[in-house]
């Protein structure tokens, strides 16, 4: 989602009962970690995503 307002619109459509709570979280992209691209963990993550059609 591109904004908090858009996230709130989607959340308002969730089929929740009285007293239920919904938590919205930002989903990160590989580009968010560009400064750390040379770490083994991110290289492994990138390989996993490519292997599983996630990129």
C-alpha atoms as a PDB file:
ATOM      1  CA  UNK A   1       0.000   0.000   0.000  1.00  0.00           C
ATOM      2  CA  UNK A   2       1.231   3.410  -0.746  1.00  0.00           C
ATOM      3  CA  UNK A   3      -0.123   5.315   2.251  1.00  0.00           C
ATOM      4  CA  UNK A   4      -1.545   5.067   5.734  1.00  0.00           C
ATOM      5  CA  UNK A   5      -4.856   6.323   4.376  1.00  0.00           C
ATOM      6  CA  UNK A   6      -5.027   3.470   1.871  1.00  0.00           C
ATOM      7  CA  UNK A   7      -4.157   0.973   4.605  1.00  0.00           C
ATOM      8  CA  UNK A   8      -6.955   2.382   6.779  1.00  0.00           C
ATOM      9  CA  UNK A   9      -9.421   2.011   3.894  1.00  0.00           C
ATOM     10  CA  UNK A  10      -8.479  -1.666   3.447  1.00  0.00           C
ATOM     11  CA  UNK A  11      -8.625  -2.274   7.198  1.00  0.00           C
ATOM     12  CA  UNK A  12     -12.110  -0.783   7.434  1.00  0.00           C
ATOM     13  CA  UNK A  13     -13.352  -3.592   5.158  1.00  0.00           C
ATOM     14  CA  UNK A  14     -12.038  -6.410   7.383  1.00  0.00           C
ATOM     15  CA  UNK A  15     -14.809  -8.674   8.684  1.00  0.00           C
ATOM     16  CA  UNK A  16     -14.096  -8.226  12.396  1.00  0.00           C
ATOM     17  CA  UNK A  17     -16.486  -8.662  15.285  1.00  0.00           C
ATOM     18  CA  UNK A  18     -17.068  -6.272  18.184  1.00  0.00           C
ATOM     19  CA  UNK A  19     -13.946  -5.744  20.277  1.00  0.00           C
ATOM     20  CA  UNK A  20     -11.643  -7.245  17.624  1.00  0.00           C
ATOM     21  CA  UNK A  21      -8.405  -5.534  16.726  1.00  0.00           C
ATOM     22  CA  UNK A  22      -6.495  -5.373  13.461  1.00  0.00           C
ATOM     23  CA  UNK A  23      -2.828  -4.486  13.261  1.00  0.00           C
ATOM     24  CA  UNK A  24      -1.329  -3.100  10.075  1.00  0.00           C
ATOM     25  CA  UNK A  25       2.369  -3.496   9.444  1.00  0.00           C
ATOM     26  CA  UNK A  26       4.674  -2.217   6.773  1.00  0.00           C
ATOM     27  CA  UNK A  27       6.063  -4.910   4.492  1.00  0.00           C
ATOM     28  CA  UNK A  28       9.704  -4.371   3.669  1.00  0.00           C
ATOM     29  CA  UNK A  29      11.292  -4.782   0.283  1.00  0.00           C
ATOM     30  CA  UNK A  30      14.850  -5.843  -0.483  1.00  0.00           C
ATOM     31  CA  UNK A  31      15.555  -2.271  -1.628  1.00  0.00           C
ATOM     32  CA  UNK A  32      14.923  -1.085   1.958  1.00  0.00           C
ATOM     33  CA  UNK A  33      18.168  -2.822   2.903  1.00  0.00           C
ATOM     34  CA  UNK A  34      20.375  -1.583   0.058  1.00  0.00           C
ATOM     35  CA  UNK A  35      22.993  -0.326   2.523  1.00  0.00           C
ATOM     36  CA  UNK A  36      23.403  -3.884   3.806  1.00  0.00           C
ATOM     37  CA  UNK A  37      23.234  -5.736   0.476  1.00  0.00           C
ATOM     38  CA  UNK A  38      26.600  -7.394   0.934  1.00  0.00           C
ATOM     39  CA  UNK A  39      25.619  -9.366   4.045  1.00  0.00           C
ATOM     40  CA  UNK A  40      25.215 -13.139   3.789  1.00  0.00           C
ATOM     41  CA  UNK A  41      21.707 -13.035   5.264  1.00  0.00           C
ATOM     42  CA  UNK A  42      20.425 -10.664   2.583  1.00  0.00           C
ATOM     43  CA  UNK A  43      22.187 -12.569  -0.176  1.00  0.00           C
ATOM     44  CA  UNK A  44      20.478 -15.741   1.059  1.00  0.00           C
ATOM     45  CA  UNK A  45      17.134 -13.950   1.255  1.00  0.00           C
ATOM     46  CA  UNK A  46      17.531 -12.632  -2.289  1.00  0.00           C
ATOM     47  CA  UNK A  47      18.392 -16.099  -3.568  1.00  0.00           C
ATOM     48  CA  UNK A  48      15.394 -17.599  -1.750  1.00  0.00           C
ATOM     49  CA  UNK A  49      13.040 -14.975  -3.192  1.00  0.00           C
ATOM     50  CA  UNK A  50      14.363 -15.528  -6.717  1.00  0.00           C
ATOM     51  CA  UNK A  51      14.061 -19.286  -6.326  1.00  0.00           C
ATOM     52  CA  UNK A  52      10.485 -19.003  -5.098  1.00  0.00           C
ATOM     53  CA  UNK A  53       9.277 -16.350  -7.549  1.00  0.00           C
ATOM     54  CA  UNK A  54       9.099 -13.649  -4.889  1.00  0.00           C
ATOM     55  CA  UNK A  55      11.047 -10.920  -6.720  1.00  0.00           C
END
